[in-house]
Amino acid sequence: MDRTQEKLKEETEKWLERLEDRVEGLDKDVEQMENVEAYRKDTYHFLDEEDFIRAWESVIYAWGILETLERLGKFEEN
């Protein structure tokens, strides 16, 4: 693995961990949350396959959808 791949893997894992923390306790029944979950699972799959570009893309897509849902107020505040 070259340095670029290592860095991409590290960044993907960092953002995936943050995503896991962020979605914990959120209502999974919120419309479009299934897409966040699908991209999250895809991230793990692509990391396992050492396809770091697609893993990075997947975690970023998940983040984008999650942030959009949050900005639209789709989750109840505790």
PDB file of N, CA and C in Angstrom:
ATOM      1  N   MET A   1       0.858  -1.174   0.000  1.00  0.00           N
ATOM      2  CA  MET A   1       0.000   0.000   0.000  1.00  0.00           C
ATOM      3  C   MET A   1       0.903   1.236   0.000  1.00  0.00           C
ATOM      4  N   ASP A   2       0.640   2.138  -0.933  1.00  0.00           N
ATOM      5  CA  ASP A   2       1.444   3.355  -0.979  1.00  0.00           C
ATOM      6  C   ASP A   2       0.914   4.384   0.018  1.00  0.00           C
ATOM      7  N   ARG A   3       1.637   5.469   0.175  1.00  0.00           N
ATOM      8  CA  ARG A   3       1.292   6.499   1.176  1.00  0.00           C
ATOM      9  C   ARG A   3      -0.075   7.126   0.907  1.00  0.00           C
ATOM     10  N   THR A   4      -0.422   7.318  -0.342  1.00  0.00           N
ATOM     11  CA  THR A   4      -1.724   7.897  -0.672  1.00  0.00           C
ATOM     12  C   THR A   4      -2.847   6.968  -0.220  1.00  0.00           C
ATOM     13  N   GLN A   5      -2.694   5.685  -0.488  1.00  0.00           N
ATOM     14  CA  GLN A   5      -3.705   4.720  -0.059  1.00  0.00           C
ATOM     15  C   GLN A   5      -3.801   4.665   1.465  1.00  0.00           C
ATOM     16  N   GLU A   6      -2.658   4.692   2.132  1.00  0.00           N
ATOM     17  CA  GLU A   6      -2.650   4.681   3.592  1.00  0.00           C
ATOM     18  C   GLU A   6      -3.395   5.882   4.153  1.00  0.00           C
ATOM     19  N   LYS A   7      -3.121   7.044   3.606  1.00  0.00           N
ATOM     20  CA  LYS A   7      -3.765   8.274   4.074  1.00  0.00           C
ATOM     21  C   LYS A   7      -5.268   8.220   3.815  1.00  0.00           C
ATOM     22  N   LEU A   8      -5.664   7.746   2.655  1.00  0.00           N
ATOM     23  CA  LEU A   8      -7.081   7.633   2.320  1.00  0.00           C
ATOM     24  C   LEU A   8      -7.779   6.656   3.267  1.00  0.00           C
ATOM     25  N   LYS A   9      -7.132   5.543   3.554  1.00  0.00           N
ATOM     26  CA  LYS A   9      -7.683   4.567   4.495  1.00  0.00           C
ATOM     27  C   LYS A   9      -7.830   5.177   5.885  1.00  0.00           C
ATOM     28  N   GLU A  10      -6.805   5.871   6.352  1.00  0.00           N
ATOM     29  CA  GLU A  10      -6.839   6.509   7.671  1.00  0.00           C
ATOM     30  C   GLU A  10      -7.973   7.531   7.765  1.00  0.00           C
ATOM     31  N   GLU A  11      -8.091   8.371   6.768  1.00  0.00           N
ATOM     32  CA  GLU A  11      -9.142   9.396   6.773  1.00  0.00           C
ATOM     33  C   GLU A  11     -10.532   8.765   6.722  1.00  0.00           C
ATOM     34  N   THR A  12     -10.685   7.738   5.907  1.00  0.00           N
ATOM     35  CA  THR A  12     -11.968   7.051   5.809  1.00  0.00           C
ATOM     36  C   THR A  12     -12.343   6.444   7.151  1.00  0.00           C
ATOM     37  N   GLU A  13     -11.398   5.774   7.792  1.00  0.00           N
ATOM     38  CA  GLU A  13     -11.668   5.163   9.092  1.00  0.00           C
ATOM     39  C   GLU A  13     -11.998   6.217  10.150  1.00  0.00           C
ATOM     40  N   LYS A  14     -11.308   7.345  10.105  1.00  0.00           N
ATOM     41  CA  LYS A  14     -11.570   8.433  11.052  1.00  0.00           C
ATOM     42  C   LYS A  14     -13.005   8.939  10.894  1.00  0.00           C
ATOM     43  N   TRP A  15     -13.413   9.205   9.650  1.00  0.00           N
ATOM     44  CA  TRP A  15     -14.753   9.738   9.418  1.00  0.00           C
ATOM     45  C   TRP A  15     -15.826   8.690   9.622  1.00  0.00           C
ATOM     46  N   LEU A  16     -15.512   7.442   9.380  1.00  0.00           N
ATOM     47  CA  LEU A  16     -16.459   6.358   9.643  1.00  0.00           C
ATOM     48  C   LEU A  16     -16.720   6.240  11.144  1.00  0.00           C
ATOM     49  N   GLU A  17     -15.680   6.342  11.940  1.00  0.00           N
ATOM     50  CA  GLU A  17     -15.852   6.301  13.396  1.00  0.00           C
ATOM     51  C   GLU A  17     -16.717   7.459  13.876  1.00  0.00           C
ATOM     52  N   ARG A  18     -16.474   8.629  13.345  1.00  0.00           N
ATOM     53  CA  ARG A  18     -17.288   9.799  13.703  1.00  0.00           C
ATOM     54  C   ARG A  18     -18.743   9.600  13.265  1.00  0.00           C
ATOM     55  N   LEU A  19     -18.930   9.005  12.095  1.00  0.00           N
ATOM     56  CA  LEU A  19     -20.280   8.731  11.611  1.00  0.00           C
ATOM     57  C   LEU A  19     -20.990   7.767  12.554  1.00  0.00           C
ATOM     58  N   GLU A  20     -20.294   6.720  12.960  1.00  0.00           N
ATOM     59  CA  GLU A  20     -20.882   5.745  13.882  1.00  0.00           C
ATOM     60  C   GLU A  20     -21.347   6.432  15.167  1.00  0.00           C
ATOM     61  N   ASP A  21     -20.512   7.312  15.703  1.00  0.00           N
ATOM     62  CA  ASP A  21     -20.877   8.042  16.919  1.00  0.00           C
ATOM     63  C   ASP A  21     -22.083   8.944  16.677  1.00  0.00           C
ATOM     64  N   ARG A  22     -22.110   9.572  15.518  1.00  0.00           N
ATOM     65  CA  ARG A  22     -23.163  10.547  15.205  1.00  0.00           C
ATOM     66  C   ARG A  22     -24.523   9.888  15.001  1.00  0.00           C
ATOM     67  N   VAL A  23     -24.559   8.697  14.402  1.00  0.00           N
ATOM     68  CA  VAL A  23     -25.845   8.055  14.117  1.00  0.00           C
ATOM     69  C   VAL A  23     -26.373   7.260  15.306  1.00  0.00           C
ATOM     70  N   GLU A  24     -25.504   7.015  16.288  1.00  0.00           N
ATOM     71  CA  GLU A  24     -25.937   6.258  17.455  1.00  0.00           C
ATOM     72  C   GLU A  24     -27.105   6.969  18.129  1.00  0.00           C
ATOM     73  N   GLY A  25     -28.186   6.249  18.296  1.00  0.00           N
ATOM     74  CA  GLY A  25     -29.362   6.796  18.958  1.00  0.00           C
ATOM     75  C   GLY A  25     -30.308   7.565  18.054  1.00  0.00           C
ATOM     76  N   LEU A  26     -29.938   7.776  16.794  1.00  0.00           N
ATOM     77  CA  LEU A  26     -30.837   8.473  15.879  1.00  0.00           C
ATOM     78  C   LEU A  26     -31.931   7.524  15.405  1.00  0.00           C
ATOM     79  N   ASP A  27     -33.058   8.093  15.083  1.00  0.00           N
ATOM     80  CA  ASP A  27     -34.198   7.316  14.595  1.00  0.00           C
ATOM     81  C   ASP A  27     -33.889   6.779  13.199  1.00  0.00           C
ATOM     82  N   LYS A  28     -33.763   5.467  13.108  1.00  0.00           N
ATOM     83  CA  LYS A  28     -33.436   4.829  11.832  1.00  0.00           C
ATOM     84  C   LYS A  28     -34.628   4.807  10.876  1.00  0.00           C
ATOM     85  N   ASP A  29     -35.825   5.152  11.386  1.00  0.00           N
ATOM     86  CA  ASP A  29     -37.022   5.162  10.549  1.00  0.00           C
ATOM     87  C   ASP A  29     -37.230   6.484   9.807  1.00  0.00           C
ATOM     88  N   VAL A  30     -36.374   7.465  10.082  1.00  0.00           N
ATOM     89  CA  VAL A  30     -36.466   8.742   9.377  1.00  0.00           C
ATOM     90  C   VAL A  30     -36.237   8.497   7.886  1.00  0.00           C
ATOM     91  N   GLU A  31     -37.095   9.118   7.075  1.00  0.00           N
ATOM     92  CA  GLU A  31     -36.955   8.963   5.624  1.00  0.00           C
ATOM     93  C   GLU A  31     -35.537   9.335   5.185  1.00  0.00           C
ATOM     94  N   GLN A  32     -34.966   8.545   4.361  1.00  0.00           N
ATOM     95  CA  GLN A  32     -33.614   8.674   3.794  1.00  0.00           C
ATOM     96  C   GLN A  32     -32.519   8.166   4.729  1.00  0.00           C
ATOM     97  N   MET A  33     -32.867   7.811   5.976  1.00  0.00           N
ATOM     98  CA  MET A  33     -31.852   7.269   6.874  1.00  0.00           C
ATOM     99  C   MET A  33     -31.355   5.911   6.366  1.00  0.00           C
ATOM    100  N   GLU A  34     -32.203   5.216   5.616  1.00  0.00           N
ATOM    101  CA  GLU A  34     -31.762   3.932   5.051  1.00  0.00           C
ATOM    102  C   GLU A  34     -30.593   4.139   4.085  1.00  0.00           C
ATOM    103  N   ASN A  35     -30.539   5.300   3.453  1.00  0.00           N
ATOM    104  CA  ASN A  35     -29.411   5.595   2.560  1.00  0.00           C
ATOM    105  C   ASN A  35     -28.127   5.830   3.348  1.00  0.00           C
ATOM    106  N   VAL A  36     -28.245   6.507   4.481  1.00  0.00           N
ATOM    107  CA  VAL A  36     -27.077   6.703   5.347  1.00  0.00           C
ATOM    108  C   VAL A  36     -26.538   5.338   5.765  1.00  0.00           C
ATOM    109  N   GLU A  37     -27.447   4.467   6.195  1.00  0.00           N
ATOM    110  CA  GLU A  37     -27.052   3.131   6.634  1.00  0.00           C
ATOM    111  C   GLU A  37     -26.440   2.318   5.491  1.00  0.00           C
ATOM    112  N   ALA A  38     -26.998   2.415   4.316  1.00  0.00           N
ATOM    113  CA  ALA A  38     -26.469   1.665   3.171  1.00  0.00           C
ATOM    114  C   ALA A  38     -25.058   2.131   2.826  1.00  0.00           C
ATOM    115  N   TYR A  39     -24.845   3.435   2.795  1.00  0.00           N
ATOM    116  CA  TYR A  39     -23.502   3.943   2.496  1.00  0.00           C
ATOM    117  C   TYR A  39     -22.515   3.615   3.610  1.00  0.00           C
ATOM    118  N   ARG A  40     -22.991   3.603   4.860  1.00  0.00           N
ATOM    119  CA  ARG A  40     -22.132   3.220   5.976  1.00  0.00           C
ATOM    120  C   ARG A  40     -21.661   1.777   5.793  1.00  0.00           C
ATOM    121  N   LYS A  41     -22.593   0.893   5.481  1.00  0.00           N
ATOM    122  CA  LYS A  41     -22.246  -0.512   5.260  1.00  0.00           C
ATOM    123  C   LYS A  41     -21.334  -0.672   4.043  1.00  0.00           C
ATOM    124  N   ASP A  42     -21.594   0.100   2.998  1.00  0.00           N
ATOM    125  CA  ASP A  42     -20.727   0.065   1.812  1.00  0.00           C
ATOM    126  C   ASP A  42     -19.297   0.465   2.166  1.00  0.00           C
ATOM    127  N   THR A  43     -19.166   1.426   3.071  1.00  0.00           N
ATOM    128  CA  THR A  43     -17.832   1.862   3.479  1.00  0.00           C
ATOM    129  C   THR A  43     -17.042   0.696   4.063  1.00  0.00           C
ATOM    130  N   TYR A  44     -17.678  -0.056   4.954  1.00  0.00           N
ATOM    131  CA  TYR A  44     -17.008  -1.222   5.533  1.00  0.00           C
ATOM    132  C   TYR A  44     -16.639  -2.240   4.451  1.00  0.00           C
ATOM    133  N   HIS A  45     -17.564  -2.473   3.549  1.00  0.00           N
ATOM    134  CA  HIS A  45     -17.310  -3.425   2.471  1.00  0.00           C
ATOM    135  C   HIS A  45     -16.089  -3.005   1.643  1.00  0.00           C
ATOM    136  N   PHE A  46     -16.068  -1.750   1.227  1.00  0.00           N
ATOM    137  CA  PHE A  46     -14.969  -1.282   0.392  1.00  0.00           C
ATOM    138  C   PHE A  46     -13.638  -1.246   1.153  1.00  0.00           C
ATOM    139  N   LEU A  47     -13.687  -0.957   2.453  1.00  0.00           N
ATOM    140  CA  LEU A  47     -12.458  -1.036   3.239  1.00  0.00           C
ATOM    141  C   LEU A  47     -11.933  -2.468   3.259  1.00  0.00           C
ATOM    142  N   ASP A  48     -12.838  -3.424   3.457  1.00  0.00           N
ATOM    143  CA  ASP A  48     -12.436  -4.840   3.445  1.00  0.00           C
ATOM    144  C   ASP A  48     -11.825  -5.243   2.108  1.00  0.00           C
ATOM    145  N   GLU A  49     -12.350  -4.676   1.034  1.00  0.00           N
ATOM    146  CA  GLU A  49     -11.854  -4.974  -0.309  1.00  0.00           C
ATOM    147  C   GLU A  49     -10.611  -4.154  -0.679  1.00  0.00           C
ATOM    148  N   GLU A  50     -10.206  -3.280   0.242  1.00  0.00           N
ATOM    149  CA  GLU A  50      -9.089  -2.354   0.022  1.00  0.00           C
ATOM    150  C   GLU A  50      -9.315  -1.446  -1.186  1.00  0.00           C
ATOM    151  N   ASP A  51     -10.574  -1.120  -1.393  1.00  0.00           N
ATOM    152  CA  ASP A  51     -10.964  -0.163  -2.433  1.00  0.00           C
ATOM    153  C   ASP A  51     -11.187   1.174  -1.717  1.00  0.00           C
ATOM    154  N   PHE A  52     -10.090   1.855  -1.443  1.00  0.00           N
ATOM    155  CA  PHE A  52     -10.121   3.011  -0.569  1.00  0.00           C
ATOM    156  C   PHE A  52     -10.789   4.230  -1.185  1.00  0.00           C
ATOM    157  N   ILE A  53     -10.781   4.340  -2.466  1.00  0.00           N
ATOM    158  CA  ILE A  53     -11.473   5.459  -3.117  1.00  0.00           C
ATOM    159  C   ILE A  53     -12.983   5.312  -2.929  1.00  0.00           C
ATOM    160  N   ARG A  54     -13.504   4.133  -3.220  1.00  0.00           N
ATOM    161  CA  ARG A  54     -14.946   3.926  -3.048  1.00  0.00           C
ATOM    162  C   ARG A  54     -15.346   3.967  -1.573  1.00  0.00           C
ATOM    163  N   ALA A  55     -14.476   3.498  -0.689  1.00  0.00           N
ATOM    164  CA  ALA A  55     -14.765   3.573   0.748  1.00  0.00           C
ATOM    165  C   ALA A  55     -14.892   5.037   1.171  1.00  0.00           C
ATOM    166  N   TRP A  56     -13.961   5.872   0.719  1.00  0.00           N
ATOM    167  CA  TRP A  56     -13.998   7.300   1.030  1.00  0.00           C
ATOM    168  C   TRP A  56     -15.276   7.940   0.475  1.00  0.00           C
ATOM    169  N   GLU A  57     -15.586   7.627  -0.770  1.00  0.00           N
ATOM    170  CA  GLU A  57     -16.800   8.171  -1.378  1.00  0.00           C
ATOM    171  C   GLU A  57     -18.037   7.779  -0.574  1.00  0.00           C
ATOM    172  N   SER A  58     -18.100   6.538  -0.147  1.00  0.00           N
ATOM    173  CA  SER A  58     -19.267   6.052   0.590  1.00  0.00           C
ATOM    174  C   SER A  58     -19.445   6.765   1.924  1.00  0.00           C
ATOM    175  N   VAL A  59     -18.362   6.935   2.663  1.00  0.00           N
ATOM    176  CA  VAL A  59     -18.488   7.599   3.956  1.00  0.00           C
ATOM    177  C   VAL A  59     -18.864   9.070   3.775  1.00  0.00           C
ATOM    178  N   ILE A  60     -18.354   9.695   2.725  1.00  0.00           N
ATOM    179  CA  ILE A  60     -18.690  11.098   2.468  1.00  0.00           C
ATOM    180  C   ILE A  60     -20.153  11.239   2.039  1.00  0.00           C
ATOM    181  N   TYR A  61     -20.637  10.319   1.212  1.00  0.00           N
ATOM    182  CA  TYR A  61     -22.054  10.344   0.837  1.00  0.00           C
ATOM    183  C   TYR A  61     -22.931  10.181   2.073  1.00  0.00           C
ATOM    184  N   ALA A  62     -22.564   9.242   2.947  1.00  0.00           N
ATOM    185  CA  ALA A  62     -23.339   9.034   4.179  1.00  0.00           C
ATOM    186  C   ALA A  62     -23.374  10.309   5.009  1.00  0.00           C
ATOM    187  N   TRP A  63     -22.236  10.958   5.156  1.00  0.00           N
ATOM    188  CA  TRP A  63     -22.170  12.215   5.897  1.00  0.00           C
ATOM    189  C   TRP A  63     -23.040  13.290   5.267  1.00  0.00           C
ATOM    190  N   GLY A  64     -22.975  13.396   3.962  1.00  0.00           N
ATOM    191  CA  GLY A  64     -23.760  14.419   3.275  1.00  0.00           C
ATOM    192  C   GLY A  64     -25.251  14.233   3.479  1.00  0.00           C
ATOM    193  N   ILE A  65     -25.708  13.012   3.385  1.00  0.00           N
ATOM    194  CA  ILE A  65     -27.129  12.742   3.594  1.00  0.00           C
ATOM    195  C   ILE A  65     -27.505  13.020   5.046  1.00  0.00           C
ATOM    196  N   LEU A  66     -26.671  12.546   5.979  1.00  0.00           N
ATOM    197  CA  LEU A  66     -26.952  12.755   7.399  1.00  0.00           C
ATOM    198  C   LEU A  66     -27.013  14.245   7.739  1.00  0.00           C
ATOM    199  N   GLU A  67     -26.063  15.000   7.274  1.00  0.00           N
ATOM    200  CA  GLU A  67     -26.068  16.439   7.562  1.00  0.00           C
ATOM    201  C   GLU A  67     -27.272  17.134   6.942  1.00  0.00           C
ATOM    202  N   THR A  68     -27.680  16.704   5.773  1.00  0.00           N
ATOM    203  CA  THR A  68     -28.873  17.273   5.142  1.00  0.00           C
ATOM    204  C   THR A  68     -30.105  16.972   5.994  1.00  0.00           C
ATOM    205  N   LEU A  69     -30.232  15.745   6.452  1.00  0.00           N
ATOM    206  CA  LEU A  69     -31.372  15.388   7.307  1.00  0.00           C
ATOM    207  C   LEU A  69     -31.373  16.209   8.593  1.00  0.00           C
ATOM    208  N   GLU A  70     -30.196  16.393   9.180  1.00  0.00           N
ATOM    209  CA  GLU A  70     -30.103  17.194  10.398  1.00  0.00           C
ATOM    210  C   GLU A  70     -30.511  18.644  10.134  1.00  0.00           C
ATOM    211  N   ARG A  71     -30.032  19.209   9.052  1.00  0.00           N
ATOM    212  CA  ARG A  71     -30.351  20.609   8.734  1.00  0.00           C
ATOM    213  C   ARG A  71     -31.833  20.799   8.413  1.00  0.00           C
ATOM    214  N   LEU A  72     -32.453  19.749   7.904  1.00  0.00           N
ATOM    215  CA  LEU A  72     -33.894  19.799   7.618  1.00  0.00           C
ATOM    216  C   LEU A  72     -34.726  19.540   8.880  1.00  0.00           C
ATOM    217  N   GLY A  73     -34.072  19.273   9.987  1.00  0.00           N
ATOM    218  CA  GLY A  73     -34.768  19.051  11.257  1.00  0.00           C
ATOM    219  C   GLY A  73     -35.522  17.734  11.310  1.00  0.00           C
ATOM    220  N   LYS A  74     -34.991  16.704  10.673  1.00  0.00           N
ATOM    221  CA  LYS A  74     -35.689  15.414  10.614  1.00  0.00           C
ATOM    222  C   LYS A  74     -35.577  14.587  11.890  1.00  0.00           C
ATOM    223  N   PHE A  75     -34.709  14.986  12.795  1.00  0.00           N
ATOM    224  CA  PHE A  75     -34.535  14.241  14.045  1.00  0.00           C
ATOM    225  C   PHE A  75     -35.039  15.065  15.212  1.00  0.00           C
ATOM    226  N   GLU A  76     -35.745  14.387  16.116  1.00  0.00           N
ATOM    227  CA  GLU A  76     -36.223  15.064  17.309  1.00  0.00           C
ATOM    228  C   GLU A  76     -35.029  15.363  18.217  1.00  0.00           C
ATOM    229  N   GLU A  77     -35.055  16.530  18.811  1.00  0.00           N
ATOM    230  CA  GLU A  77     -33.986  16.876  19.748  1.00  0.00           C
ATOM    231  C   GLU A  77     -34.364  16.360  21.108  1.00  0.00           C
ATOM    232  N   ASN A  78     -33.354  15.810  21.810  1.00  0.00           N
ATOM    233  CA  ASN A  78     -33.595  15.277  23.158  1.00  0.00           C
ATOM    234  C   ASN A  78     -33.405  16.347  24.178  1.00  0.00           C
TER     235      ASN A  78
END
